Every structure is written in C-alpha cells, then in structure tokens.
Amino acid sequence: MRAGSRLLLPLLFTVFFAGQAWAAPSDADWSKAGHRDVTLFYPGVASWEFLNGDDHRLGGREIKKGKKDCRHCHMSKDGELDLKAAEIAAGSMRMKRSHNPFEPEPVAGKKGLMKAGVKAAYDSENLYVRVEWESKGSGWRSRGTPDRVSIQMNGAEPYFAKYGCFITCHNDANTMPGSPSRREVAANPAYNGRDDVRLYAFYAKGSWDGPRHGDRLKNGLIDLKSVEFEGGKATSRDGWVFDDRAWEEKDSPGGGAFSNGRYSAVFSFRLKSADKFDVNVSEGEVVPIAISIHDEGAEKRKHFVSFPVAIGIGAAAEVRAVKLSR
C-alpha cells in the first residue's frame, strides 16, 4: 500500500453515490461544528432483559416504569461514567442475583472504556455526524475482520432517547447467552433460511420467534448507518432496525479513513427524507443517537457502546450541529 493511501483526507470525504459525488463538510467547517467527547463502555452480555430484570435491582424497576434513564444512575454531573466496565471486560464482574458473569468469554487485554470525539453540522439537505477515536487500525491495515463504527438514530420513540441501542439488544440475539441454535433459526419460516438472530426493538416483537407488532413502526423505526474499515478502504452502509436488523442494497453516503493513530468516520442523514427506512429529521429538532464501535478485531456483540447522545440540528443539545453555508 502506498503511504499516501494511508493519509486521512483532512479537507474532504468524497463518495460517489447514485452517480453523484457526495462531499462531507471541509476541515474548516468542522472547526466550527459542535463537539463533544463521548465515553463508550464495554457492556458484555448486558441486554434489554437484564436492564429490566432482577439482576439490575432498583434500576430494573425504574426502567420498567420508563422513568429514569441510564445516565440517572450511571453518569455523574461532570460526565464521568459510574460503571465497572474494566471488571466487566475482564470477566470478573457478576450480576447481583443470578451471579452470572457480565462477560462469560473475556478477551485478554480488553479495556472497559474508550473515548470518541463527536461533531455535527448540517446544511439545507443533510445532517453530518463525525466520529473519531484512537486505534491501532488493525482493520484498516489488513483484511479479515473490519473495524467499524455504527450510529443508531430515532427522534420519536421515548425509550430510545432514554436507553439507546439497549432497546434492540436481547438475550436471544446471535452470540448472546440465550441465543437459539442456528438450526432452530434456519427452520423458522420468518428467517427465510437465515441462521442468526439480529437486533430488534423490544416493542416490535417480544422474542426472536415472536409475532411482529407493527403498530409502532412509524415512530419506532431506528435508522442505522455504519462505516467499516478494512484493507485501507472505508465502506459506508445504510440500514434500519425494527423487528429485525437489515441493510439496504445500496451503500449510503458517508466515508472515513485512518491516519496518525486515529479513525475518522462521517455519516450523512438526509433532512426530511421520504425514504420509509430513514428517520425523518428537520432543522430545529433534537434527535438522539447511539454509537457503537468494533475495534481491534472485535466481532458480533464484543463492542463498545454509548448512552444516547442528543444532537441539536441548529438547536441547543449535547452536540449542537451548526449550519453550513454552501
């Protein structure tokens, strides 16, 4: 690989999408954008069922009522997480009542916390979110297991604003402790021969093989975008989560690169999108996102996640997206 191909393009991400060039904000634009350092943590096998269960004790009771969010108990006023994430990653942390480990398959040397910088900007057509973090760049330097950053977004479902991607993570999902066998999944007609259980919102269905509840589709659909880094290339994907997690056939506008020990990824969300699988957001709104990062060979559930982060599209929020003049 030429040295030049390893350089982060500081001024412009350009992706050819649907026959047209898509350009992210310039480096000068990003210098004006709202910014926040977000702490992500390693959750182990903590699922939506755990959050609502006896192992979560008082927290479970409050979540069942939909009252307190995760930050109420696990984040201080100065933004520091009150979680024993290092013990979770090491496999030494156990749940209160069942005494099951939060991580039954610990990875040697896995850290519990990581930081990511989040910036946001928008123009007349798109909201842009940039995520950066320090990394060894193993996915970028080789082929096999890509490094990846994903964003879930939903602006209308109150449970997402409180609990983020945890509402889509279940005990029966692939590689989780209660996951059904591949043979069982493949035999279920709803999966059309597919043998894995993916993310689904708790309000869309009650279990991997339960019936779909479509009455909350309008507000409950979760927009999903991901940028994968593998072999010196960044690929941006567009998908959604409701009663399943699915990727659309076309790649989404977005991009990224690795340089000087840092990944940088840019996501684009169309304002007032007419696509039924996109979350419809507009100027003046505050919309929550949840971030997950797979780094250094992490696969499936062994990733880092954030609590919800509020993005204000020209409005006051944790990260205020500034409007760009084009």
C-alpha atoms as a PDB file:
ATOM      1  CA  MET A   1       0.000   0.000   0.000  1.00  0.00           C
ATOM      2  CA  ARG A   2       1.331   3.420  -0.892  1.00  0.00           C
ATOM      3  CA  ALA A   3       1.980   5.752   2.007  1.00  0.00           C
ATOM      4  CA  GLY A   4      -0.365   8.331   0.512  1.00  0.00           C
ATOM      5  CA  SER A   5      -3.309   5.956   0.735  1.00  0.00           C
ATOM      6  CA  ARG A   6      -2.888   5.834   4.499  1.00  0.00           C
ATOM      7  CA  LEU A   7      -3.365   9.577   4.904  1.00  0.00           C
ATOM      8  CA  LEU A   8      -6.586  10.960   6.273  1.00  0.00           C
ATOM      9  CA  LEU A   9      -8.085  13.360   3.751  1.00  0.00           C
ATOM     10  CA  PRO A  10      -8.394  16.391   6.028  1.00  0.00           C
ATOM     11  CA  LEU A  11     -10.301  18.642   3.670  1.00  0.00           C
ATOM     12  CA  LEU A  12     -12.921  16.412   2.072  1.00  0.00           C
ATOM     13  CA  PHE A  13     -14.541  12.999   2.129  1.00  0.00           C
ATOM     14  CA  THR A  14     -15.954  12.332  -1.330  1.00  0.00           C
ATOM     15  CA  VAL A  15     -18.033   9.256  -2.096  1.00  0.00           C
ATOM     16  CA  PHE A  16     -19.642   8.508  -5.457  1.00  0.00           C
ATOM     17  CA  PHE A  17     -23.222   7.604  -4.658  1.00  0.00           C
ATOM     18  CA  ALA A  18     -26.069   7.069  -7.115  1.00  0.00           C
ATOM     19  CA  GLY A  19     -23.927   8.595  -9.861  1.00  0.00           C
ATOM     20  CA  GLN A  20     -23.215  11.806  -7.977  1.00  0.00           C
ATOM     21  CA  ALA A  21     -20.335  12.921  -5.805  1.00  0.00           C
ATOM     22  CA  TRP A  22     -21.175  13.339  -2.140  1.00  0.00           C
ATOM     23  CA  ALA A  23     -18.968  15.711  -0.165  1.00  0.00           C
ATOM     24  CA  ALA A  24     -18.706  15.957   3.604  1.00  0.00           C
ATOM     25  CA  PRO A  25     -18.015  19.275   5.307  1.00  0.00           C
ATOM     26  CA  SER A  26     -14.495  20.599   4.903  1.00  0.00           C
ATOM     27  CA  ASP A  27     -11.935  20.702   7.694  1.00  0.00           C
ATOM     28  CA  ALA A  28     -12.655  24.409   8.114  1.00  0.00           C
ATOM     29  CA  ASP A  29     -16.358  23.679   8.504  1.00  0.00           C
ATOM     30  CA  TRP A  30     -15.687  21.014  11.137  1.00  0.00           C
ATOM     31  CA  SER A  31     -13.665  23.525  13.158  1.00  0.00           C
ATOM     32  CA  LYS A  32     -16.903  25.496  13.658  1.00  0.00           C
ATOM     33  CA  ALA A  33     -19.054  22.465  14.425  1.00  0.00           C
ATOM     34  CA  GLY A  34     -20.399  21.469  17.800  1.00  0.00           C
ATOM     35  CA  HIS A  35     -18.178  18.940  19.583  1.00  0.00           C
ATOM     36  CA  ARG A  36     -18.343  16.539  22.499  1.00  0.00           C
ATOM     37  CA  ASP A  37     -16.058  13.818  23.837  1.00  0.00           C
ATOM     38  CA  VAL A  38     -18.254  10.774  24.442  1.00  0.00           C
ATOM     39  CA  THR A  39     -17.292   7.860  26.690  1.00  0.00           C
ATOM     40  CA  LEU A  40     -18.186   4.427  25.358  1.00  0.00           C
ATOM     41  CA  PHE A  41     -18.141   1.328  27.562  1.00  0.00           C
ATOM     42  CA  TYR A  42     -17.953  -2.417  27.187  1.00  0.00           C
ATOM     43  CA  PRO A  43     -21.365  -3.910  28.137  1.00  0.00           C
ATOM     44  CA  GLY A  44     -20.603  -7.635  27.984  1.00  0.00           C
ATOM     45  CA  VAL A  45     -23.903  -9.529  27.802  1.00  0.00           C
ATOM     46  CA  ALA A  46     -25.978  -6.800  29.466  1.00  0.00           C
ATOM     47  CA  SER A  47     -29.207  -6.833  27.441  1.00  0.00           C
ATOM     48  CA  TRP A  48     -32.645  -5.241  27.464  1.00  0.00           C
ATOM     49  CA  GLU A  49     -33.837  -8.170  29.574  1.00  0.00           C
ATOM     50  CA  PHE A  50     -31.029  -7.524  32.060  1.00  0.00           C
ATOM     51  CA  LEU A  51     -31.867  -3.823  32.261  1.00  0.00           C
ATOM     52  CA  ASN A  52     -35.475  -4.693  33.157  1.00  0.00           C
ATOM     53  CA  GLY A  53     -34.712  -7.693  35.380  1.00  0.00           C
ATOM     54  CA  ASP A  54     -33.942  -8.527  38.995  1.00  0.00           C
ATOM     55  CA  ASP A  55     -30.204  -8.616  38.286  1.00  0.00           C
ATOM     56  CA  HIS A  56     -30.434  -4.864  37.704  1.00  0.00           C
ATOM     57  CA  ARG A  57     -32.257  -4.447  41.023  1.00  0.00           C
ATOM     58  CA  LEU A  58     -33.653  -0.934  41.590  1.00  0.00           C
ATOM     59  CA  GLY A  59     -32.623   0.156  38.119  1.00  0.00           C
ATOM     60  CA  GLY A  60     -34.743  -2.582  36.591  1.00  0.00           C
ATOM     61  CA  ARG A  61     -37.844  -1.387  38.416  1.00  0.00           C
ATOM     62  CA  GLU A  62     -37.381   2.187  37.229  1.00  0.00           C
ATOM     63  CA  ILE A  63     -36.790   1.130  33.617  1.00  0.00           C
ATOM     64  CA  LYS A  64     -39.941  -0.998  33.634  1.00  0.00           C
ATOM     65  CA  LYS A  65     -41.824   2.175  34.513  1.00  0.00           C
ATOM     66  CA  GLY A  66     -39.947   4.105  31.815  1.00  0.00           C
ATOM     67  CA  LYS A  67     -38.979   6.772  34.346  1.00  0.00           C
ATOM     68  CA  LYS A  68     -35.230   7.020  34.919  1.00  0.00           C
ATOM     69  CA  ASP A  69     -32.733   6.713  32.113  1.00  0.00           C
ATOM     70  CA  CYS A  70     -29.286   5.094  32.235  1.00  0.00           C
ATOM     71  CA  ARG A  71     -27.480   8.356  32.942  1.00  0.00           C
ATOM     72  CA  HIS A  72     -29.522   8.961  36.095  1.00  0.00           C
ATOM     73  CA  CYS A  73     -27.668   6.192  37.928  1.00  0.00           C
ATOM     74  CA  HIS A  74     -24.506   5.692  35.890  1.00  0.00           C
ATOM     75  CA  MET A  75     -23.219   9.144  34.979  1.00  0.00           C
ATOM     76  CA  SER A  76     -22.010  11.921  37.255  1.00  0.00           C
ATOM     77  CA  LYS A  77     -22.757  15.605  36.755  1.00  0.00           C
ATOM     78  CA  ASP A  78     -19.326  16.138  35.227  1.00  0.00           C
ATOM     79  CA  GLY A  79     -19.936  13.448  32.625  1.00  0.00           C
ATOM     80  CA  GLU A  80     -17.948  10.591  34.152  1.00  0.00           C
ATOM     81  CA  LEU A  81     -19.376   7.078  33.866  1.00  0.00           C
ATOM     82  CA  ASP A  82     -20.044   5.173  37.077  1.00  0.00           C
ATOM     83  CA  LEU A  83     -19.660   1.686  35.636  1.00  0.00           C
ATOM     84  CA  LYS A  84     -17.214  -1.073  36.464  1.00  0.00           C
ATOM     85  CA  ALA A  85     -16.516  -1.549  32.784  1.00  0.00           C
ATOM     86  CA  ALA A  86     -12.971  -2.847  33.275  1.00  0.00           C
ATOM     87  CA  GLU A  87     -14.255  -5.627  35.549  1.00  0.00           C
ATOM     88  CA  ILE A  88     -16.975  -6.438  33.002  1.00  0.00           C
ATOM     89  CA  ALA A  89     -14.417  -6.741  30.203  1.00  0.00           C
ATOM     90  CA  ALA A  90     -12.145  -8.904  32.375  1.00  0.00           C
ATOM     91  CA  GLY A  91     -14.993 -11.298  33.177  1.00  0.00           C
ATOM     92  CA  SER A  92     -14.759 -10.726  36.946  1.00  0.00           C
ATOM     93  CA  MET A  93     -17.965  -8.696  37.342  1.00  0.00           C
ATOM     94  CA  ARG A  94     -21.080 -10.752  38.145  1.00  0.00           C
ATOM     95  CA  MET A  95     -24.768  -9.941  38.188  1.00  0.00           C
ATOM     96  CA  LYS A  96     -26.348  -9.335  41.594  1.00  0.00           C
ATOM     97  CA  ARG A  97     -28.991 -12.063  41.791  1.00  0.00           C
ATOM     98  CA  SER A  98     -28.108 -14.750  39.245  1.00  0.00           C
ATOM     99  CA  HIS A  99     -24.325 -14.353  39.757  1.00  0.00           C
ATOM    100  CA  ASN A 100     -23.835 -14.859  36.031  1.00  0.00           C
ATOM    101  CA  PRO A 101     -20.770 -13.076  34.640  1.00  0.00           C
ATOM    102  CA  PHE A 102     -21.336  -9.936  32.620  1.00  0.00           C
ATOM    103  CA  GLU A 103     -18.762 -11.348  30.199  1.00  0.00           C
ATOM    104  CA  PRO A 104     -18.613 -15.165  30.047  1.00  0.00           C
ATOM    105  CA  GLU A 105     -15.989 -15.085  27.258  1.00  0.00           C
ATOM    106  CA  PRO A 106     -13.475 -12.376  28.227  1.00  0.00           C
ATOM    107  CA  VAL A 107     -10.893 -11.240  25.710  1.00  0.00           C
ATOM    108  CA  ALA A 108      -7.406 -10.882  27.173  1.00  0.00           C
ATOM    109  CA  GLY A 109      -6.359  -7.254  27.453  1.00  0.00           C
ATOM    110  CA  LYS A 110      -9.801  -5.880  26.572  1.00  0.00           C
ATOM    111  CA  LYS A 111     -10.272  -2.415  28.042  1.00  0.00           C
ATOM    112  CA  GLY A 112     -13.536  -1.327  29.601  1.00  0.00           C
ATOM    113  CA  LEU A 113     -13.820   2.277  28.395  1.00  0.00           C
ATOM    114  CA  MET A 114     -12.867   4.306  25.365  1.00  0.00           C
ATOM    115  CA  LYS A 115     -13.364   7.891  24.214  1.00  0.00           C
ATOM    116  CA  ALA A 116     -14.719   9.121  20.900  1.00  0.00           C
ATOM    117  CA  GLY A 117     -14.971  12.676  19.638  1.00  0.00           C
ATOM    118  CA  VAL A 118     -18.347  13.554  18.112  1.00  0.00           C
ATOM    119  CA  LYS A 119     -19.004  16.582  15.898  1.00  0.00           C
ATOM    120  CA  ALA A 120     -22.115  17.623  13.998  1.00  0.00           C
ATOM    121  CA  ALA A 121     -23.003  20.045  11.229  1.00  0.00           C
ATOM    122  CA  TYR A 122     -25.791  20.424   8.675  1.00  0.00           C
ATOM    123  CA  ASP A 123     -26.764  22.216   5.505  1.00  0.00           C
ATOM    124  CA  SER A 124     -30.024  22.579   3.609  1.00  0.00           C
ATOM    125  CA  GLU A 125     -30.099  18.873   2.696  1.00  0.00           C
ATOM    126  CA  ASN A 126     -28.179  16.784   5.244  1.00  0.00           C
ATOM    127  CA  LEU A 127     -27.148  16.357   8.853  1.00  0.00           C
ATOM    128  CA  TYR A 128     -23.500  15.270   9.172  1.00  0.00           C
ATOM    129  CA  VAL A 129     -22.058  13.488  12.184  1.00  0.00           C
ATOM    130  CA  ARG A 130     -18.331  12.817  12.520  1.00  0.00           C
ATOM    131  CA  VAL A 131     -16.925  10.259  14.976  1.00  0.00           C
ATOM    132  CA  GLU A 132     -13.188   9.948  15.716  1.00  0.00           C
ATOM    133  CA  TRP A 133     -11.248   7.688  18.052  1.00  0.00           C
ATOM    134  CA  GLU A 134      -7.722   6.468  18.748  1.00  0.00           C
ATOM    135  CA  SER A 135      -6.911   2.988  17.438  1.00  0.00           C
ATOM    136  CA  LYS A 136      -4.147   0.716  16.238  1.00  0.00           C
ATOM    137  CA  GLY A 137      -6.043   0.466  12.959  1.00  0.00           C
ATOM    138  CA  SER A 138      -5.874  -3.309  12.617  1.00  0.00           C
ATOM    139  CA  GLY A 139      -8.898  -3.438  10.308  1.00  0.00           C
ATOM    140  CA  TRP A 140      -7.537  -0.672   8.087  1.00  0.00           C
ATOM    141  CA  ARG A 141      -4.140  -2.352   7.765  1.00  0.00           C
ATOM    142  CA  SER A 142      -5.385  -5.828   6.857  1.00  0.00           C
ATOM    143  CA  ARG A 143      -8.283  -7.872   5.561  1.00  0.00           C
ATOM    144  CA  GLY A 144     -10.396 -10.278   7.569  1.00  0.00           C
ATOM    145  CA  THR A 145     -12.174  -8.595  10.475  1.00  0.00           C
ATOM    146  CA  PRO A 146     -13.002  -4.943   9.785  1.00  0.00           C
ATOM    147  CA  ASP A 147     -13.090  -2.212  12.388  1.00  0.00           C
ATOM    148  CA  ARG A 148     -16.456  -0.473  12.413  1.00  0.00           C
ATOM    149  CA  VAL A 149     -18.419   2.417  13.887  1.00  0.00           C
ATOM    150  CA  SER A 150     -22.219   2.465  13.749  1.00  0.00           C
ATOM    151  CA  ILE A 151     -24.882   5.002  14.636  1.00  0.00           C
ATOM    152  CA  GLN A 152     -28.486   4.283  15.527  1.00  0.00           C
ATOM    153  CA  MET A 153     -30.902   7.230  15.356  1.00  0.00           C
ATOM    154  CA  ASN A 154     -34.520   7.722  16.365  1.00  0.00           C
ATOM    155  CA  GLY A 155     -36.198  11.014  17.128  1.00  0.00           C
ATOM    156  CA  ALA A 156     -39.696   9.949  18.178  1.00  0.00           C
ATOM    157  CA  GLU A 157     -39.513   6.868  20.416  1.00  0.00           C
ATOM    158  CA  PRO A 158     -39.118   7.876  24.118  1.00  0.00           C
ATOM    159  CA  TYR A 159     -37.442   4.589  25.073  1.00  0.00           C
ATOM    160  CA  PHE A 160     -34.679   5.156  22.540  1.00  0.00           C
ATOM    161  CA  ALA A 161     -33.988   8.617  23.933  1.00  0.00           C
ATOM    162  CA  LYS A 162     -33.573   7.090  27.402  1.00  0.00           C
ATOM    163  CA  TYR A 163     -31.832   3.773  26.693  1.00  0.00           C
ATOM    164  CA  GLY A 164     -30.406   3.969  23.192  1.00  0.00           C
ATOM    165  CA  CYS A 165     -29.302   0.783  21.477  1.00  0.00           C
ATOM    166  CA  PHE A 166     -30.050  -1.335  24.566  1.00  0.00           C
ATOM    167  CA  ILE A 167     -33.684  -1.490  23.441  1.00  0.00           C
ATOM    168  CA  THR A 168     -32.509  -3.545  20.435  1.00  0.00           C
ATOM    169  CA  CYS A 169     -30.111  -5.887  22.291  1.00  0.00           C
ATOM    170  CA  HIS A 170     -31.648  -9.132  23.594  1.00  0.00           C
ATOM    171  CA  ASN A 171     -30.630 -12.336  25.353  1.00  0.00           C
ATOM    172  CA  ASP A 172     -31.636 -14.353  22.289  1.00  0.00           C
ATOM    173  CA  ALA A 173     -29.572 -12.376  19.758  1.00  0.00           C
ATOM    174  CA  ASN A 174     -26.664 -14.018  17.971  1.00  0.00           C
ATOM    175  CA  THR A 175     -23.742 -14.872  20.347  1.00  0.00           C
ATOM    176  CA  MET A 176     -25.759 -13.826  23.426  1.00  0.00           C
ATOM    177  CA  PRO A 177     -26.279 -16.409  26.237  1.00  0.00           C
ATOM    178  CA  GLY A 178     -29.875 -17.257  25.272  1.00  0.00           C
ATOM    179  CA  SER A 179     -29.363 -17.363  21.524  1.00  0.00           C
ATOM    180  CA  PRO A 180     -31.196 -20.252  19.813  1.00  0.00           C
ATOM    181  CA  SER A 181     -29.209 -22.714  17.729  1.00  0.00           C
ATOM    182  CA  ARG A 182     -28.515 -21.910  14.102  1.00  0.00           C
ATOM    183  CA  ARG A 183     -30.604 -24.904  13.122  1.00  0.00           C
ATOM    184  CA  GLU A 184     -33.605 -23.586  15.073  1.00  0.00           C
ATOM    185  CA  VAL A 185     -33.360 -20.168  13.439  1.00  0.00           C
ATOM    186  CA  ALA A 186     -32.912 -21.564   9.926  1.00  0.00           C
ATOM    187  CA  ALA A 187     -36.008 -23.754  10.402  1.00  0.00           C
ATOM    188  CA  ASN A 188     -38.190 -20.744  11.253  1.00  0.00           C
ATOM    189  CA  PRO A 189     -40.032 -19.576   8.094  1.00  0.00           C
ATOM    190  CA  ALA A 190     -39.743 -15.925   9.145  1.00  0.00           C
ATOM    191  CA  TYR A 191     -35.957 -16.086   8.669  1.00  0.00           C
ATOM    192  CA  ASN A 192     -36.033 -17.457   5.099  1.00  0.00           C
ATOM    193  CA  GLY A 193     -33.202 -19.878   5.785  1.00  0.00           C
ATOM    194  CA  ARG A 194     -31.014 -17.345   7.607  1.00  0.00           C
ATOM    195  CA  ASP A 195     -29.463 -18.860  10.728  1.00  0.00           C
ATOM    196  CA  ASP A 196     -28.792 -15.883  13.029  1.00  0.00           C
ATOM    197  CA  VAL A 197     -30.909 -13.609  15.237  1.00  0.00           C
ATOM    198  CA  ARG A 198     -30.078  -9.943  14.826  1.00  0.00           C
ATOM    199  CA  LEU A 199     -31.083  -6.732  16.576  1.00  0.00           C
ATOM    200  CA  TYR A 200     -34.763  -5.970  17.095  1.00  0.00           C
ATOM    201  CA  ALA A 201     -36.658  -3.367  19.106  1.00  0.00           C
ATOM    202  CA  PHE A 202     -38.451  -4.754  22.166  1.00  0.00           C
ATOM    203  CA  TYR A 203     -41.696  -3.077  21.102  1.00  0.00           C
ATOM    204  CA  ALA A 204     -41.554  -4.646  17.617  1.00  0.00           C
ATOM    205  CA  LYS A 205     -41.660  -8.237  18.906  1.00  0.00           C
ATOM    206  CA  GLY A 206     -41.259  -9.949  22.259  1.00  0.00           C
ATOM    207  CA  SER A 207     -38.743 -12.626  21.297  1.00  0.00           C
ATOM    208  CA  TRP A 208     -36.729 -13.848  18.323  1.00  0.00           C
ATOM    209  CA  ASP A 209     -39.582 -16.099  17.157  1.00  0.00           C
ATOM    210  CA  GLY A 210     -42.475 -13.945  18.390  1.00  0.00           C
ATOM    211  CA  PRO A 211     -45.060 -12.191  16.200  1.00  0.00           C
ATOM    212  CA  ARG A 212     -44.333  -8.741  14.854  1.00  0.00           C
ATOM    213  CA  HIS A 213     -46.141  -5.750  16.340  1.00  0.00           C
ATOM    214  CA  GLY A 214     -46.340  -3.190  13.551  1.00  0.00           C
ATOM    215  CA  ASP A 215     -48.378  -0.513  15.289  1.00  0.00           C
ATOM    216  CA  ARG A 216     -45.270   1.448  16.353  1.00  0.00           C
ATOM    217  CA  LEU A 217     -43.419   1.290  13.051  1.00  0.00           C
ATOM    218  CA  LYS A 218     -43.889   4.992  12.258  1.00  0.00           C
ATOM    219  CA  ASN A 219     -42.187   6.228  15.431  1.00  0.00           C
ATOM    220  CA  GLY A 220     -40.268   3.095  16.376  1.00  0.00           C
ATOM    221  CA  LEU A 221     -38.145   2.531  13.284  1.00  0.00           C
ATOM    222  CA  ILE A 222     -34.462   3.058  14.091  1.00  0.00           C
ATOM    223  CA  ASP A 223     -32.189   4.390  11.369  1.00  0.00           C
ATOM    224  CA  LEU A 224     -28.870   2.542  11.248  1.00  0.00           C
ATOM    225  CA  LYS A 225     -25.720   3.637   9.486  1.00  0.00           C
ATOM    226  CA  SER A 226     -22.265   2.091   9.646  1.00  0.00           C
ATOM    227  CA  VAL A 227     -18.759   2.779   8.329  1.00  0.00           C
ATOM    228  CA  GLU A 228     -16.457  -0.239   8.058  1.00  0.00           C
ATOM    229  CA  PHE A 229     -12.674  -0.031   7.728  1.00  0.00           C
ATOM    230  CA  GLU A 230     -10.860  -2.892   6.036  1.00  0.00           C
ATOM    231  CA  GLY A 231      -7.737  -3.160   3.907  1.00  0.00           C
ATOM    232  CA  GLY A 232      -7.209   0.585   3.511  1.00  0.00           C
ATOM    233  CA  LYS A 233     -10.814   1.188   2.458  1.00  0.00           C
ATOM    234  CA  ALA A 234     -13.866   2.653   4.189  1.00  0.00           C
ATOM    235  CA  THR A 235     -17.328   1.443   3.229  1.00  0.00           C
ATOM    236  CA  SER A 236     -20.499   3.185   4.378  1.00  0.00           C
ATOM    237  CA  ARG A 237     -23.706   1.171   4.777  1.00  0.00           C
ATOM    238  CA  ASP A 238     -27.325   2.152   5.362  1.00  0.00           C
ATOM    239  CA  GLY A 239     -29.869   0.052   7.238  1.00  0.00           C
ATOM    240  CA  TRP A 240     -32.627   0.008   9.835  1.00  0.00           C
ATOM    241  CA  VAL A 241     -33.810  -1.819  12.946  1.00  0.00           C
ATOM    242  CA  PHE A 242     -37.373  -2.687  13.893  1.00  0.00           C
ATOM    243  CA  ASP A 243     -38.423  -6.330  14.099  1.00  0.00           C
ATOM    244  CA  ASP A 244     -35.066  -7.235  12.545  1.00  0.00           C
ATOM    245  CA  ARG A 245     -31.846  -5.568  11.516  1.00  0.00           C
ATOM    246  CA  ALA A 246     -31.439  -5.213   7.766  1.00  0.00           C
ATOM    247  CA  TRP A 247     -29.066  -3.480   5.388  1.00  0.00           C
ATOM    248  CA  GLU A 248     -30.283  -1.770   2.263  1.00  0.00           C
ATOM    249  CA  GLU A 249     -28.766  -2.934  -1.007  1.00  0.00           C
ATOM    250  CA  LYS A 250     -27.183   0.413  -1.822  1.00  0.00           C
ATOM    251  CA  ASP A 251     -24.281   1.892   0.107  1.00  0.00           C
ATOM    252  CA  SER A 252     -25.061   5.097   1.951  1.00  0.00           C
ATOM    253  CA  PRO A 253     -23.297   8.432   1.516  1.00  0.00           C
ATOM    254  CA  GLY A 254     -20.518   8.608   4.064  1.00  0.00           C
ATOM    255  CA  GLY A 255     -16.858   7.817   4.399  1.00  0.00           C
ATOM    256  CA  GLY A 256     -13.816   7.643   6.587  1.00  0.00           C
ATOM    257  CA  ALA A 257     -10.107   6.953   6.876  1.00  0.00           C
ATOM    258  CA  PHE A 258      -7.313   6.087   9.309  1.00  0.00           C
ATOM    259  CA  SER A 259      -4.329   8.327   9.933  1.00  0.00           C
ATOM    260  CA  ASN A 260      -1.872   9.076  12.755  1.00  0.00           C
ATOM    261  CA  GLY A 261      -3.403   6.518  15.074  1.00  0.00           C
ATOM    262  CA  ARG A 262      -6.983   7.744  14.661  1.00  0.00           C
ATOM    263  CA  TYR A 263     -10.060   6.644  12.787  1.00  0.00           C
ATOM    264  CA  SER A 264     -12.421   9.284  11.454  1.00  0.00           C
ATOM    265  CA  ALA A 265     -15.858   8.479  10.027  1.00  0.00           C
ATOM    266  CA  VAL A 266     -18.507  10.801   8.608  1.00  0.00           C
ATOM    267  CA  PHE A 267     -22.207   9.895   8.471  1.00  0.00           C
ATOM    268  CA  SER A 268     -24.848  11.684   6.427  1.00  0.00           C
ATOM    269  CA  PHE A 269     -28.568  11.750   7.346  1.00  0.00           C
ATOM    270  CA  ARG A 270     -30.890  13.359   4.818  1.00  0.00           C
ATOM    271  CA  LEU A 271     -33.173  16.032   6.253  1.00  0.00           C
ATOM    272  CA  LYS A 272     -36.896  15.450   5.636  1.00  0.00           C
ATOM    273  CA  SER A 273     -36.182  12.131   3.950  1.00  0.00           C
ATOM    274  CA  ALA A 274     -39.106  10.467   2.163  1.00  0.00           C
ATOM    275  CA  ASP A 275     -37.496   7.022   2.467  1.00  0.00           C
ATOM    276  CA  LYS A 276     -39.636   4.844   4.751  1.00  0.00           C
ATOM    277  CA  PHE A 277     -36.495   3.308   6.266  1.00  0.00           C
ATOM    278  CA  ASP A 278     -34.959   6.670   7.201  1.00  0.00           C
ATOM    279  CA  VAL A 279     -35.721   8.687  10.312  1.00  0.00           C
ATOM    280  CA  ASN A 280     -37.285  11.977   9.267  1.00  0.00           C
ATOM    281  CA  VAL A 281     -35.400  14.835  10.954  1.00  0.00           C
ATOM    282  CA  SER A 282     -35.570  18.582  10.386  1.00  0.00           C
ATOM    283  CA  GLU A 283     -33.820  21.795  11.324  1.00  0.00           C
ATOM    284  CA  GLY A 284     -34.662  22.898  14.865  1.00  0.00           C
ATOM    285  CA  GLU A 285     -35.098  19.352  16.203  1.00  0.00           C
ATOM    286  CA  VAL A 286     -33.078  17.491  18.807  1.00  0.00           C
ATOM    287  CA  VAL A 287     -32.543  13.864  17.855  1.00  0.00           C
ATOM    288  CA  PRO A 288     -30.832  11.157  19.953  1.00  0.00           C
ATOM    289  CA  ILE A 289     -28.169   8.864  18.525  1.00  0.00           C
ATOM    290  CA  ALA A 290     -26.402   5.838  19.997  1.00  0.00           C
ATOM    291  CA  ILE A 291     -22.863   4.918  18.947  1.00  0.00           C
ATOM    292  CA  SER A 292     -21.191   1.514  18.841  1.00  0.00           C
ATOM    293  CA  ILE A 293     -17.560   0.817  17.924  1.00  0.00           C
ATOM    294  CA  HIS A 294     -15.980  -2.501  16.940  1.00  0.00           C
ATOM    295  CA  ASP A 295     -12.206  -2.073  17.232  1.00  0.00           C
ATOM    296  CA  GLU A 296      -9.117  -4.294  17.178  1.00  0.00           C
ATOM    297  CA  GLY A 297     -10.738  -7.457  15.842  1.00  0.00           C
ATOM    298  CA  ALA A 298     -13.966  -7.227  17.864  1.00  0.00           C
ATOM    299  CA  GLU A 299     -16.853  -9.166  16.353  1.00  0.00           C
ATOM    300  CA  LYS A 300     -20.588  -9.540  16.990  1.00  0.00           C
ATOM    301  CA  ARG A 301     -21.546  -8.317  20.498  1.00  0.00           C
ATOM    302  CA  LYS A 302     -17.983  -7.615  21.709  1.00  0.00           C
ATOM    303  CA  HIS A 303     -18.070  -3.915  21.008  1.00  0.00           C
ATOM    304  CA  PHE A 304     -18.201  -0.608  22.869  1.00  0.00           C
ATOM    305  CA  VAL A 305     -21.449   1.342  23.180  1.00  0.00           C
ATOM    306  CA  SER A 306     -22.528   4.797  24.283  1.00  0.00           C
ATOM    307  CA  PHE A 307     -25.516   6.052  26.172  1.00  0.00           C
ATOM    308  CA  PRO A 308     -27.785   8.167  23.941  1.00  0.00           C
ATOM    309  CA  VAL A 309     -26.221  11.415  22.726  1.00  0.00           C
ATOM    310  CA  ALA A 310     -28.552  14.298  21.825  1.00  0.00           C
ATOM    311  CA  ILE A 311     -27.774  16.081  18.538  1.00  0.00           C
ATOM    312  CA  GLY A 312     -29.396  19.501  18.095  1.00  0.00           C
ATOM    313  CA  ILE A 313     -29.928  20.449  14.445  1.00  0.00           C
ATOM    314  CA  GLY A 314     -29.403  24.145  14.950  1.00  0.00           C
ATOM    315  CA  ALA A 315     -30.813  23.701  18.460  1.00  0.00           C
ATOM    316  CA  ALA A 316     -29.264  23.525  21.924  1.00  0.00           C
ATOM    317  CA  ALA A 317     -28.225  19.953  22.834  1.00  0.00           C
ATOM    318  CA  GLU A 318     -25.229  17.924  23.990  1.00  0.00           C
ATOM    319  CA  VAL A 319     -23.841  18.357  20.486  1.00  0.00           C
ATOM    320  CA  ARG A 320     -25.199  21.347  18.599  1.00  0.00           C
ATOM    321  CA  ALA A 321     -24.955  20.906  14.842  1.00  0.00           C
ATOM    322  CA  VAL A 322     -24.007  24.208  13.222  1.00  0.00           C
ATOM    323  CA  LYS A 323     -25.457  25.245   9.873  1.00  0.00           C
ATOM    324  CA  LEU A 324     -23.028  25.456   6.976  1.00  0.00           C
ATOM    325  CA  SER A 325     -23.234  27.872   4.083  1.00  0.00           C
ATOM    326  CA  ARG A 326     -22.630  26.067   0.795  1.00  0.00           C
END
